[in-house]
N, C-alpha and C. Protein backbone atom coordinates (compact mmCIF):
# COMPACT_ATOMS: atom_id res chain seq x y z
N ALA A 1 100.37 88.02 78.86
CA ALA A 1 101.72 87.46 78.76
C ALA A 1 101.68 85.97 78.48
N ALA A 2 100.80 85.25 79.19
CA ALA A 2 100.70 83.81 78.97
C ALA A 2 100.20 83.51 77.56
N ARG A 3 99.34 84.36 77.05
CA ARG A 3 98.74 84.11 75.74
C ARG A 3 99.75 84.23 74.62
N ILE A 4 100.74 85.12 74.75
CA ILE A 4 101.69 85.34 73.67
C ILE A 4 103.02 84.65 73.90
N ALA A 5 103.14 83.89 75.00
CA ALA A 5 104.36 83.12 75.24
C ALA A 5 104.45 81.99 74.21
N PRO A 6 105.69 81.52 73.88
CA PRO A 6 106.97 81.99 74.43
C PRO A 6 107.63 83.10 73.62
N GLY A 7 107.09 83.42 72.42
CA GLY A 7 107.80 84.35 71.57
C GLY A 7 107.56 85.81 71.88
N GLY A 8 106.47 86.13 72.59
CA GLY A 8 106.14 87.52 72.86
C GLY A 8 106.54 87.96 74.25
N GLU A 9 106.62 89.26 74.44
CA GLU A 9 107.01 89.82 75.74
C GLU A 9 106.08 90.97 76.10
N VAL A 10 105.78 91.10 77.39
CA VAL A 10 104.93 92.16 77.90
C VAL A 10 105.74 93.03 78.85
N ILE A 11 105.56 94.35 78.75
CA ILE A 11 106.12 95.28 79.74
C ILE A 11 104.95 95.98 80.40
N ALA A 12 104.81 95.79 81.70
CA ALA A 12 103.74 96.41 82.47
C ALA A 12 104.31 97.63 83.19
N THR A 13 103.62 98.76 83.08
CA THR A 13 104.13 100.00 83.68
C THR A 13 103.11 100.61 84.62
N ASP A 14 103.63 101.38 85.56
CA ASP A 14 102.78 102.17 86.45
C ASP A 14 103.63 103.29 87.01
N LEU A 15 102.98 104.40 87.33
CA LEU A 15 103.69 105.52 87.93
C LEU A 15 104.10 105.19 89.36
N ALA A 16 103.29 104.37 90.04
CA ALA A 16 103.56 103.98 91.43
C ALA A 16 104.26 102.63 91.47
N THR A 17 105.09 102.43 92.49
CA THR A 17 105.86 101.19 92.58
C THR A 17 105.08 100.04 93.21
N GLU A 18 104.11 100.36 94.08
CA GLU A 18 103.39 99.29 94.79
C GLU A 18 102.63 98.37 93.84
N PRO A 19 101.88 98.89 92.86
CA PRO A 19 101.22 97.98 91.93
C PRO A 19 102.19 97.09 91.16
N LEU A 20 103.36 97.64 90.84
CA LEU A 20 104.36 96.84 90.13
C LEU A 20 104.87 95.70 91.00
N LYS A 21 105.02 95.96 92.29
CA LYS A 21 105.44 94.91 93.23
C LYS A 21 104.40 93.80 93.28
N VAL A 22 103.13 94.18 93.34
CA VAL A 22 102.05 93.19 93.34
C VAL A 22 102.07 92.38 92.05
N GLY A 23 102.29 93.07 90.92
CA GLY A 23 102.34 92.39 89.64
C GLY A 23 103.47 91.37 89.57
N ARG A 24 104.63 91.74 90.06
CA ARG A 24 105.76 90.80 90.06
C ARG A 24 105.43 89.56 90.88
N GLU A 25 104.83 89.78 92.03
CA GLU A 25 104.49 88.65 92.89
C GLU A 25 103.48 87.73 92.22
N ARG A 26 102.51 88.29 91.55
CA ARG A 26 101.50 87.48 90.87
C ARG A 26 102.11 86.72 89.69
N ALA A 27 103.00 87.39 88.96
CA ALA A 27 103.66 86.71 87.83
C ALA A 27 104.51 85.54 88.31
N GLN A 28 105.23 85.75 89.40
CA GLN A 28 106.05 84.67 89.96
C GLN A 28 105.17 83.52 90.43
N HIS A 29 104.07 83.86 91.08
CA HIS A 29 103.17 82.82 91.58
C HIS A 29 102.58 81.99 90.44
N ARG A 30 102.35 82.62 89.29
CA ARG A 30 101.76 81.93 88.15
C ARG A 30 102.82 81.40 87.18
N ALA A 31 104.09 81.57 87.53
CA ALA A 31 105.21 81.11 86.69
C ALA A 31 105.15 81.71 85.29
N VAL A 32 104.79 83.00 85.22
CA VAL A 32 104.79 83.73 83.96
C VAL A 32 106.11 84.48 83.86
N ASN A 33 106.93 84.12 82.87
CA ASN A 33 108.30 84.63 82.82
C ASN A 33 108.55 85.65 81.72
N ASN A 34 107.57 85.91 80.89
CA ASN A 34 107.80 86.81 79.76
C ASN A 34 107.16 88.18 79.98
N VAL A 35 107.15 88.64 81.23
CA VAL A 35 106.61 89.96 81.55
C VAL A 35 107.58 90.70 82.45
N GLN A 36 107.81 91.97 82.14
CA GLN A 36 108.65 92.85 82.95
C GLN A 36 107.76 93.91 83.58
N PHE A 37 108.18 94.43 84.73
CA PHE A 37 107.43 95.47 85.43
C PHE A 37 108.35 96.67 85.60
N GLN A 38 107.93 97.81 85.08
CA GLN A 38 108.82 98.96 84.99
C GLN A 38 108.09 100.25 85.35
N PRO A 39 108.64 101.04 86.28
CA PRO A 39 108.05 102.35 86.55
C PRO A 39 108.11 103.23 85.31
N ALA A 40 107.03 103.95 85.04
CA ALA A 40 107.02 104.82 83.86
C ALA A 40 105.88 105.81 83.99
N ASP A 41 106.12 106.99 83.45
CA ASP A 41 105.10 108.04 83.36
C ASP A 41 104.56 108.04 81.94
N VAL A 42 103.27 107.87 81.78
CA VAL A 42 102.68 107.78 80.45
C VAL A 42 102.89 109.05 79.64
N HIS A 43 103.17 110.17 80.31
CA HIS A 43 103.40 111.42 79.59
C HIS A 43 104.81 111.49 78.99
N ALA A 44 105.70 110.59 79.39
CA ALA A 44 107.08 110.55 78.86
C ALA A 44 107.56 109.11 78.94
N LEU A 45 107.03 108.27 78.09
CA LEU A 45 107.33 106.84 78.16
C LEU A 45 108.80 106.57 77.80
N PRO A 46 109.47 105.74 78.60
CA PRO A 46 110.91 105.50 78.39
C PRO A 46 111.16 104.40 77.37
N PHE A 47 110.51 104.49 76.21
CA PHE A 47 110.63 103.47 75.19
C PHE A 47 110.90 104.12 73.84
N ARG A 48 111.49 103.34 72.93
CA ARG A 48 111.79 103.83 71.59
C ARG A 48 110.51 104.03 70.77
N ASP A 49 110.62 104.82 69.73
CA ASP A 49 109.52 104.95 68.79
C ASP A 49 109.21 103.57 68.18
N SER A 50 107.94 103.30 67.97
CA SER A 50 107.50 102.10 67.24
C SER A 50 107.98 100.81 67.88
N GLU A 51 108.04 100.76 69.21
CA GLU A 51 108.60 99.59 69.89
C GLU A 51 107.57 98.49 70.14
N PHE A 52 106.28 98.80 70.16
CA PHE A 52 105.28 97.83 70.60
C PHE A 52 104.23 97.56 69.53
N ASP A 53 103.75 96.31 69.52
CA ASP A 53 102.64 95.92 68.65
C ASP A 53 101.30 96.33 69.25
N ARG A 54 101.20 96.30 70.57
CA ARG A 54 99.96 96.60 71.26
C ARG A 54 100.26 97.42 72.52
N VAL A 55 99.33 98.31 72.85
CA VAL A 55 99.35 99.01 74.14
C VAL A 55 97.94 98.94 74.70
N THR A 56 97.83 98.64 75.99
CA THR A 56 96.51 98.59 76.60
C THR A 56 96.55 99.29 77.96
N CYS A 57 95.45 99.90 78.32
CA CYS A 57 95.35 100.60 79.60
C CYS A 57 93.95 100.41 80.14
N ARG A 58 93.85 99.88 81.35
CA ARG A 58 92.55 99.59 81.96
C ARG A 58 92.32 100.52 83.14
N PHE A 59 91.30 101.38 83.05
CA PHE A 59 90.88 102.28 84.12
C PHE A 59 92.01 103.20 84.60
N GLY A 60 92.85 103.64 83.67
CA GLY A 60 93.88 104.62 83.99
C GLY A 60 93.74 105.89 83.17
N LEU A 61 93.12 105.77 82.01
CA LEU A 61 93.01 106.88 81.06
C LEU A 61 92.39 108.12 81.69
N MET A 62 91.46 107.91 82.61
CA MET A 62 90.73 109.05 83.20
C MET A 62 91.62 109.93 84.06
N PHE A 63 92.74 109.38 84.52
CA PHE A 63 93.57 110.10 85.49
C PHE A 63 94.82 110.74 84.87
N PHE A 64 94.99 110.63 83.55
CA PHE A 64 96.14 111.25 82.92
C PHE A 64 96.05 112.77 83.06
N ALA A 65 97.12 113.38 83.55
CA ALA A 65 97.10 114.82 83.79
C ALA A 65 96.97 115.60 82.48
N ASP A 66 97.62 115.13 81.43
CA ASP A 66 97.53 115.75 80.10
C ASP A 66 97.14 114.64 79.13
N LEU A 67 95.84 114.48 78.91
CA LEU A 67 95.34 113.36 78.13
C LEU A 67 95.91 113.34 76.73
N GLY A 68 95.94 114.50 76.08
CA GLY A 68 96.45 114.56 74.71
C GLY A 68 97.90 114.14 74.62
N LEU A 69 98.73 114.63 75.52
CA LEU A 69 100.15 114.27 75.52
C LEU A 69 100.33 112.78 75.76
N ALA A 70 99.59 112.23 76.73
CA ALA A 70 99.70 110.81 77.05
C ALA A 70 99.30 109.94 75.85
N LEU A 71 98.21 110.30 75.19
CA LEU A 71 97.78 109.51 74.03
C LEU A 71 98.77 109.62 72.89
N ARG A 72 99.38 110.77 72.71
CA ARG A 72 100.39 110.90 71.65
C ARG A 72 101.63 110.08 71.98
N GLU A 73 101.97 109.97 73.26
CA GLU A 73 103.09 109.11 73.65
C GLU A 73 102.77 107.64 73.38
N ILE A 74 101.55 107.24 73.67
CA ILE A 74 101.15 105.87 73.38
C ILE A 74 101.21 105.61 71.87
N ARG A 75 100.76 106.57 71.08
CA ARG A 75 100.83 106.41 69.63
C ARG A 75 102.29 106.33 69.15
N ARG A 76 103.15 107.12 69.79
CA ARG A 76 104.56 107.14 69.39
C ARG A 76 105.22 105.79 69.57
N VAL A 77 104.97 105.12 70.70
CA VAL A 77 105.67 103.86 70.97
C VAL A 77 105.05 102.68 70.24
N LEU A 78 103.88 102.86 69.63
CA LEU A 78 103.29 101.82 68.79
C LEU A 78 103.95 101.80 67.42
N ARG A 79 104.11 100.61 66.89
CA ARG A 79 104.56 100.53 65.50
C ARG A 79 103.43 101.00 64.59
N PRO A 80 103.74 101.51 63.39
CA PRO A 80 102.67 101.86 62.45
C PRO A 80 101.76 100.65 62.21
N GLY A 81 100.49 100.87 62.36
CA GLY A 81 99.52 99.78 62.27
C GLY A 81 99.24 99.10 63.59
N GLY A 82 100.00 99.43 64.63
CA GLY A 82 99.80 98.84 65.96
C GLY A 82 98.52 99.34 66.59
N ARG A 83 98.03 98.59 67.55
CA ARG A 83 96.71 98.86 68.12
C ARG A 83 96.80 99.22 69.59
N ALA A 84 96.03 100.22 70.00
CA ALA A 84 95.90 100.60 71.41
C ALA A 84 94.47 100.33 71.85
N SER A 85 94.31 99.81 73.07
CA SER A 85 92.98 99.49 73.60
C SER A 85 92.85 100.06 75.00
N PHE A 86 91.66 100.56 75.32
CA PHE A 86 91.44 101.23 76.60
C PHE A 86 90.10 100.80 77.19
N ALA A 87 90.06 100.75 78.51
CA ALA A 87 88.81 100.58 79.23
C ALA A 87 88.71 101.69 80.27
N ALA A 88 87.54 102.30 80.37
CA ALA A 88 87.33 103.40 81.31
C ALA A 88 85.91 103.30 81.87
N TRP A 89 85.68 104.01 82.97
CA TRP A 89 84.35 104.03 83.55
C TRP A 89 83.38 104.77 82.65
N GLY A 90 82.15 104.27 82.62
CA GLY A 90 81.06 105.00 82.00
C GLY A 90 80.58 106.09 82.95
N PRO A 91 79.30 106.37 83.00
CA PRO A 91 78.79 107.45 83.86
C PRO A 91 78.78 107.07 85.34
N PHE A 92 78.70 108.07 86.18
CA PHE A 92 78.61 107.86 87.63
C PHE A 92 77.33 107.12 88.00
N GLU A 93 76.28 107.33 87.24
CA GLU A 93 74.95 106.79 87.57
C GLU A 93 74.89 105.29 87.27
N GLN A 94 75.46 104.52 88.15
CA GLN A 94 75.42 103.07 88.07
C GLN A 94 75.53 102.51 89.49
N PRO A 95 75.09 101.26 89.70
CA PRO A 95 74.91 100.76 91.07
C PRO A 95 76.12 100.88 91.99
N TYR A 96 77.29 100.55 91.51
CA TYR A 96 78.48 100.55 92.37
C TYR A 96 78.70 101.91 93.03
N PHE A 97 78.53 102.97 92.27
CA PHE A 97 78.77 104.30 92.80
C PHE A 97 77.54 104.90 93.48
N GLU A 98 76.38 104.64 92.93
CA GLU A 98 75.17 105.23 93.51
C GLU A 98 74.84 104.67 94.89
N THR A 99 75.21 103.41 95.15
CA THR A 99 74.93 102.81 96.46
C THR A 99 76.04 103.07 97.47
N THR A 100 77.09 103.72 97.06
CA THR A 100 78.20 104.02 97.98
C THR A 100 78.39 105.54 98.05
N MET A 101 79.12 106.10 97.11
CA MET A 101 79.38 107.53 97.13
C MET A 101 78.13 108.35 96.87
N GLY A 102 77.19 107.79 96.10
CA GLY A 102 75.93 108.49 95.89
C GLY A 102 75.15 108.65 97.18
N VAL A 103 75.21 107.64 98.05
CA VAL A 103 74.56 107.73 99.36
C VAL A 103 75.19 108.84 100.20
N VAL A 104 76.51 108.92 100.16
CA VAL A 104 77.21 109.97 100.91
C VAL A 104 76.78 111.34 100.41
N LEU A 105 76.71 111.51 99.10
CA LEU A 105 76.30 112.80 98.53
C LEU A 105 74.89 113.18 98.97
N ARG A 106 74.00 112.21 99.00
CA ARG A 106 72.62 112.50 99.38
C ARG A 106 72.50 112.76 100.88
N HIS A 107 73.41 112.19 101.66
CA HIS A 107 73.35 112.34 103.11
C HIS A 107 73.92 113.68 103.57
N LEU A 108 74.92 114.18 102.87
CA LEU A 108 75.59 115.42 103.27
C LEU A 108 75.04 116.58 102.46
N ARG A 109 74.35 117.46 103.09
CA ARG A 109 73.73 118.58 102.40
C ARG A 109 74.81 119.47 101.77
N GLY A 110 74.65 119.73 100.49
CA GLY A 110 75.58 120.61 99.78
C GLY A 110 76.84 119.94 99.29
N ALA A 111 77.02 118.65 99.53
CA ALA A 111 78.24 117.95 99.11
C ALA A 111 78.24 117.74 97.60
N THR A 112 79.43 117.79 97.02
CA THR A 112 79.60 117.54 95.60
C THR A 112 80.77 116.60 95.39
N LEU A 113 80.85 116.02 94.20
CA LEU A 113 81.97 115.14 93.88
C LEU A 113 83.26 115.96 93.78
N PRO A 114 84.36 115.48 94.35
CA PRO A 114 85.65 116.16 94.18
C PRO A 114 86.06 116.15 92.71
N PRO A 115 86.89 117.09 92.27
CA PRO A 115 87.30 117.15 90.86
C PRO A 115 87.91 115.85 90.35
N ALA A 116 88.74 115.19 91.18
CA ALA A 116 89.36 113.94 90.74
C ALA A 116 88.32 112.86 90.51
N ALA A 117 87.26 112.86 91.30
CA ALA A 117 86.19 111.89 91.11
C ALA A 117 85.38 112.21 89.86
N VAL A 118 85.14 113.49 89.62
CA VAL A 118 84.45 113.90 88.40
C VAL A 118 85.22 113.41 87.17
N ALA A 119 86.55 113.51 87.25
CA ALA A 119 87.39 113.10 86.12
C ALA A 119 87.26 111.61 85.82
N MET A 120 86.93 110.81 86.82
CA MET A 120 86.78 109.36 86.61
C MET A 120 85.74 109.06 85.54
N PHE A 121 84.78 109.96 85.36
CA PHE A 121 83.65 109.69 84.49
C PHE A 121 83.67 110.58 83.25
N LYS A 122 84.85 111.08 82.88
CA LYS A 122 84.94 112.01 81.76
C LYS A 122 84.61 111.36 80.42
N PHE A 123 84.66 110.02 80.36
CA PHE A 123 84.33 109.34 79.11
C PHE A 123 82.94 108.71 79.17
N GLY A 124 82.11 109.16 80.12
CA GLY A 124 80.77 108.62 80.27
C GLY A 124 79.80 109.07 79.19
N GLY A 125 80.16 110.10 78.44
CA GLY A 125 79.30 110.56 77.35
C GLY A 125 79.70 109.91 76.04
N ALA A 126 78.73 109.49 75.24
CA ALA A 126 79.01 108.83 73.97
C ALA A 126 79.86 109.73 73.07
N GLY A 127 80.90 109.16 72.48
CA GLY A 127 81.76 109.88 71.55
C GLY A 127 82.92 110.60 72.20
N THR A 128 82.96 110.66 73.53
CA THR A 128 84.02 111.42 74.21
C THR A 128 85.38 110.77 74.02
N LEU A 129 85.45 109.45 74.24
CA LEU A 129 86.72 108.75 74.05
C LEU A 129 87.12 108.75 72.58
N ASN A 130 86.16 108.55 71.71
CA ASN A 130 86.41 108.59 70.27
C ASN A 130 87.08 109.90 69.88
N ALA A 131 86.54 111.01 70.37
CA ALA A 131 87.07 112.33 70.02
C ALA A 131 88.50 112.51 70.52
N ALA A 132 88.79 112.03 71.75
CA ALA A 132 90.13 112.16 72.29
C ALA A 132 91.14 111.37 71.47
N LEU A 133 90.78 110.17 71.05
CA LEU A 133 91.68 109.34 70.24
C LEU A 133 91.88 109.94 68.86
N GLN A 134 90.83 110.49 68.30
CA GLN A 134 90.95 111.12 66.99
C GLN A 134 91.86 112.34 67.05
N GLN A 135 91.71 113.13 68.08
CA GLN A 135 92.54 114.33 68.23
C GLN A 135 94.00 113.97 68.43
N ALA A 136 94.28 112.81 69.03
CA ALA A 136 95.66 112.39 69.26
C ALA A 136 96.29 111.73 68.05
N GLY A 137 95.55 111.61 66.95
CA GLY A 137 96.14 111.12 65.72
C GLY A 137 95.93 109.66 65.43
N PHE A 138 95.02 109.00 66.16
CA PHE A 138 94.74 107.59 65.90
C PHE A 138 93.75 107.45 64.76
N SER A 139 93.70 106.24 64.20
CA SER A 139 92.76 105.94 63.13
C SER A 139 92.00 104.65 63.44
N ASP A 140 91.01 104.31 62.62
CA ASP A 140 90.22 103.09 62.80
C ASP A 140 89.69 102.99 64.23
N ILE A 141 89.12 104.06 64.71
CA ILE A 141 88.71 104.15 66.11
C ILE A 141 87.37 103.47 66.31
N GLU A 142 87.28 102.68 67.38
CA GLU A 142 86.02 102.05 67.77
C GLU A 142 85.76 102.39 69.24
N GLU A 143 84.51 102.69 69.55
CA GLU A 143 84.09 102.99 70.92
C GLU A 143 82.83 102.20 71.22
N GLU A 144 82.81 101.56 72.35
CA GLU A 144 81.65 100.72 72.71
C GLU A 144 81.35 100.85 74.19
N PHE A 145 80.10 101.08 74.53
CA PHE A 145 79.66 101.02 75.92
C PHE A 145 79.15 99.61 76.19
N ARG A 146 79.61 99.03 77.28
CA ARG A 146 79.26 97.65 77.57
C ARG A 146 78.94 97.49 79.05
N ARG A 147 77.85 96.79 79.33
CA ARG A 147 77.51 96.46 80.71
C ARG A 147 78.09 95.10 81.06
N VAL A 148 78.87 95.06 82.13
CA VAL A 148 79.58 93.84 82.50
C VAL A 148 79.28 93.50 83.96
N PRO A 149 79.42 92.24 84.37
CA PRO A 149 79.28 91.90 85.78
C PRO A 149 80.37 92.59 86.60
N TRP A 150 80.01 93.07 87.78
CA TRP A 150 80.97 93.72 88.69
C TRP A 150 80.69 93.15 90.08
N VAL A 151 81.44 92.13 90.43
CA VAL A 151 81.13 91.32 91.61
C VAL A 151 82.15 91.57 92.71
N TRP A 152 81.65 91.76 93.94
CA TRP A 152 82.51 91.82 95.12
C TRP A 152 82.32 90.53 95.90
N PRO A 153 83.36 89.67 95.99
CA PRO A 153 83.19 88.32 96.53
C PRO A 153 83.26 88.27 98.06
N ASP A 154 82.51 89.16 98.72
CA ASP A 154 82.52 89.19 100.18
C ASP A 154 81.29 89.94 100.64
N SER A 155 81.30 90.37 101.90
CA SER A 155 80.12 90.95 102.51
C SER A 155 79.90 92.40 102.09
N VAL A 156 78.71 92.90 102.39
CA VAL A 156 78.37 94.31 102.16
C VAL A 156 79.31 95.21 102.95
N GLU A 157 79.50 94.88 104.22
CA GLU A 157 80.34 95.70 105.10
C GLU A 157 81.79 95.73 104.61
N ASP A 158 82.27 94.58 104.10
CA ASP A 158 83.64 94.50 103.62
C ASP A 158 83.83 95.34 102.37
N LEU A 159 82.85 95.34 101.48
CA LEU A 159 82.95 96.16 100.27
C LEU A 159 83.09 97.63 100.63
N TRP A 160 82.24 98.12 101.54
CA TRP A 160 82.27 99.53 101.89
C TRP A 160 83.56 99.88 102.64
N ARG A 161 84.02 98.99 103.50
CA ARG A 161 85.27 99.22 104.22
C ARG A 161 86.45 99.30 103.25
N TYR A 162 86.50 98.38 102.30
CA TYR A 162 87.58 98.35 101.32
C TYR A 162 87.56 99.60 100.44
N MET A 163 86.38 99.98 99.97
CA MET A 163 86.28 101.14 99.10
C MET A 163 86.78 102.40 99.80
N GLN A 164 86.47 102.54 101.07
CA GLN A 164 86.94 103.71 101.81
C GLN A 164 88.45 103.69 102.01
N GLN A 165 89.02 102.51 102.13
CA GLN A 165 90.46 102.39 102.36
C GLN A 165 91.28 102.72 101.12
N ILE A 166 90.80 102.29 99.95
CA ILE A 166 91.65 102.38 98.76
C ILE A 166 91.35 103.59 97.88
N THR A 167 90.20 104.23 98.08
CA THR A 167 89.82 105.31 97.17
C THR A 167 90.68 106.54 97.34
N ILE A 168 91.09 107.11 96.24
CA ILE A 168 91.80 108.38 96.24
C ILE A 168 90.91 109.49 95.68
N PRO A 169 90.27 109.29 94.52
CA PRO A 169 89.44 110.37 93.97
C PRO A 169 88.32 110.83 94.90
N PHE A 170 87.77 109.90 95.70
CA PHE A 170 86.65 110.26 96.58
C PHE A 170 87.10 110.64 97.99
N ARG A 171 88.39 110.64 98.25
CA ARG A 171 88.88 110.87 99.61
C ARG A 171 88.41 112.19 100.20
N PRO A 172 88.46 113.32 99.47
CA PRO A 172 87.97 114.58 100.07
C PRO A 172 86.52 114.50 100.50
N LEU A 173 85.69 113.79 99.74
CA LEU A 173 84.28 113.64 100.11
C LEU A 173 84.15 112.83 101.40
N LEU A 174 84.88 111.72 101.49
CA LEU A 174 84.81 110.90 102.69
C LEU A 174 85.34 111.64 103.92
N ASP A 175 86.40 112.41 103.72
CA ASP A 175 86.98 113.15 104.85
C ASP A 175 86.06 114.27 105.34
N SER A 176 85.09 114.65 104.51
CA SER A 176 84.19 115.74 104.90
C SER A 176 83.02 115.26 105.75
N ILE A 177 82.90 113.96 105.96
CA ILE A 177 81.80 113.43 106.77
C ILE A 177 82.06 113.76 108.24
N PRO A 178 81.20 114.48 108.91
CA PRO A 178 81.40 114.78 110.34
C PRO A 178 81.42 113.49 111.16
N ALA A 179 82.16 113.50 112.25
CA ALA A 179 82.31 112.31 113.08
C ALA A 179 80.96 111.76 113.53
N GLU A 180 80.04 112.65 113.86
CA GLU A 180 78.75 112.20 114.36
C GLU A 180 77.87 111.60 113.25
N GLU A 181 78.27 111.82 112.00
CA GLU A 181 77.50 111.30 110.87
C GLU A 181 78.07 110.00 110.31
N ARG A 182 79.22 109.58 110.82
CA ARG A 182 79.88 108.39 110.27
C ARG A 182 79.00 107.16 110.36
N ALA A 183 78.49 106.90 111.54
CA ALA A 183 77.67 105.70 111.73
C ALA A 183 76.39 105.74 110.89
N PRO A 184 75.66 106.87 110.85
CA PRO A 184 74.48 106.92 109.98
C PRO A 184 74.81 106.74 108.50
N VAL A 185 75.93 107.31 108.04
CA VAL A 185 76.33 107.13 106.64
C VAL A 185 76.65 105.67 106.36
N ASP A 186 77.41 105.04 107.26
CA ASP A 186 77.73 103.62 107.08
C ASP A 186 76.45 102.79 107.00
N ALA A 187 75.52 103.06 107.89
CA ALA A 187 74.27 102.30 107.90
C ALA A 187 73.48 102.52 106.62
N ALA A 188 73.47 103.75 106.11
CA ALA A 188 72.74 104.05 104.88
C ALA A 188 73.37 103.37 103.67
N VAL A 189 74.70 103.35 103.62
CA VAL A 189 75.39 102.65 102.53
C VAL A 189 75.11 101.16 102.59
N HIS A 190 75.22 100.57 103.77
CA HIS A 190 74.94 99.14 103.92
C HIS A 190 73.53 98.80 103.43
N ALA A 191 72.57 99.65 103.78
CA ALA A 191 71.18 99.42 103.37
C ALA A 191 71.02 99.52 101.86
N ALA A 192 71.76 100.44 101.23
CA ALA A 192 71.66 100.61 99.78
C ALA A 192 72.32 99.46 99.03
N VAL A 193 73.40 98.92 99.57
CA VAL A 193 74.12 97.83 98.90
C VAL A 193 73.44 96.49 99.10
N ARG A 194 72.77 96.32 100.23
CA ARG A 194 72.26 95.00 100.62
C ARG A 194 71.35 94.33 99.58
N PRO A 195 70.52 95.05 98.83
CA PRO A 195 69.70 94.37 97.82
C PRO A 195 70.52 93.65 96.75
N TYR A 196 71.79 94.02 96.61
CA TYR A 196 72.64 93.37 95.60
C TYR A 196 73.41 92.18 96.18
N PHE A 197 73.24 91.91 97.46
CA PHE A 197 73.99 90.85 98.15
C PHE A 197 73.15 89.57 98.16
N ASP A 198 73.76 88.46 97.73
CA ASP A 198 73.03 87.20 97.65
C ASP A 198 73.36 86.24 98.79
N GLY A 199 74.04 86.74 99.81
CA GLY A 199 74.46 85.90 100.92
C GLY A 199 75.90 85.47 100.84
N ARG A 200 76.48 85.59 99.64
CA ARG A 200 77.89 85.24 99.45
C ARG A 200 78.69 86.40 98.87
N GLN A 201 78.07 87.15 97.97
CA GLN A 201 78.80 88.21 97.28
C GLN A 201 77.84 89.31 96.85
N VAL A 202 78.43 90.47 96.54
CA VAL A 202 77.65 91.60 96.04
C VAL A 202 77.68 91.55 94.51
N ASN A 203 76.50 91.49 93.90
CA ASN A 203 76.40 91.32 92.45
C ASN A 203 75.94 92.62 91.79
N TYR A 204 76.91 93.42 91.40
CA TYR A 204 76.64 94.62 90.64
C TYR A 204 76.79 94.33 89.15
N SER A 205 76.33 95.26 88.35
CA SER A 205 76.76 95.35 86.96
C SER A 205 77.42 96.72 86.81
N ALA A 206 78.32 96.83 85.86
CA ALA A 206 79.03 98.09 85.65
C ALA A 206 78.93 98.49 84.18
N MET A 207 78.74 99.77 83.94
CA MET A 207 78.76 100.29 82.59
C MET A 207 80.15 100.88 82.33
N ILE A 208 80.85 100.28 81.37
CA ILE A 208 82.19 100.76 81.04
C ILE A 208 82.23 101.14 79.57
N VAL A 209 83.23 101.90 79.21
CA VAL A 209 83.45 102.25 77.81
C VAL A 209 84.77 101.62 77.37
N ILE A 210 84.73 100.98 76.23
CA ILE A 210 85.91 100.33 75.67
C ILE A 210 86.25 101.02 74.36
N GLY A 211 87.50 101.40 74.21
CA GLY A 211 87.92 102.05 72.98
C GLY A 211 89.15 101.37 72.41
N SER A 212 89.24 101.33 71.10
CA SER A 212 90.44 100.81 70.45
C SER A 212 90.71 101.63 69.21
N ALA A 213 91.98 101.68 68.84
CA ALA A 213 92.37 102.47 67.68
C ALA A 213 93.75 102.02 67.21
N HIS A 214 94.10 102.38 65.99
CA HIS A 214 95.39 102.04 65.42
C HIS A 214 96.23 103.29 65.20
N ARG A 215 97.54 103.09 65.27
CA ARG A 215 98.44 104.12 64.76
C ARG A 215 98.45 103.99 63.24
N PRO A 216 98.18 105.06 62.54
CA PRO A 216 98.15 104.95 61.06
C PRO A 216 99.46 104.40 60.51
N ARG A 217 99.36 103.58 59.47
CA ARG A 217 100.55 102.95 58.91
C ARG A 217 101.48 103.98 58.27
N SER A 218 100.94 105.11 57.85
CA SER A 218 101.76 106.15 57.22
C SER A 218 102.23 107.20 58.23
N ASP A 219 101.95 106.98 59.52
CA ASP A 219 102.28 107.96 60.55
C ASP A 219 103.77 107.92 60.82
N GLY A 220 104.43 109.05 60.66
CA GLY A 220 105.87 109.11 60.93
C GLY A 220 106.23 109.60 62.29
N ALA A 221 105.23 109.88 63.15
CA ALA A 221 105.50 110.44 64.48
C ALA A 221 106.12 109.39 65.39
């Protein structure tokens, strides 16, 4: 929003109201006035055809109930030639997850990732996001896997406590930990994370997939 001010406008959407409330507070704190916050379902966006120059979604694509429908809605609200950009998680096999939920899986005999957690990594295979965008009618598609810094600016214990509090996809796995195993699991996670802690923060790297594509200029949808 700040980058395209004063002539441009941003509309930020979410299915839940709490993130929108946080967004409004942050915008007010930063004196950013050209952004609106609006509840919306990506499967039925409340916007006109060809209304936007750009659409972006960060770490939400994996959770769309009907991926094809959602992507077609995004294409619909883009002007012909407009660009959509996405960021999603790469594979599960990376430090952030392997030192937390991976430890839980190894500790609990027979445990598996819940379906919602599996869905988080649906774009972890090369070409997966590209194929979804192509099927939804986008053109000029680019897909890139990129390793980026993923830093938690606090203690090992705080990272694990926070992750347990906010996670939804992994909740069934966490709830399956027997009471007598809680302390051993916590200790095992702390031990796995600690090599990444420098005394001030936890220094992970994360493998993410970035995709971008255009609505074809001749697209009448």
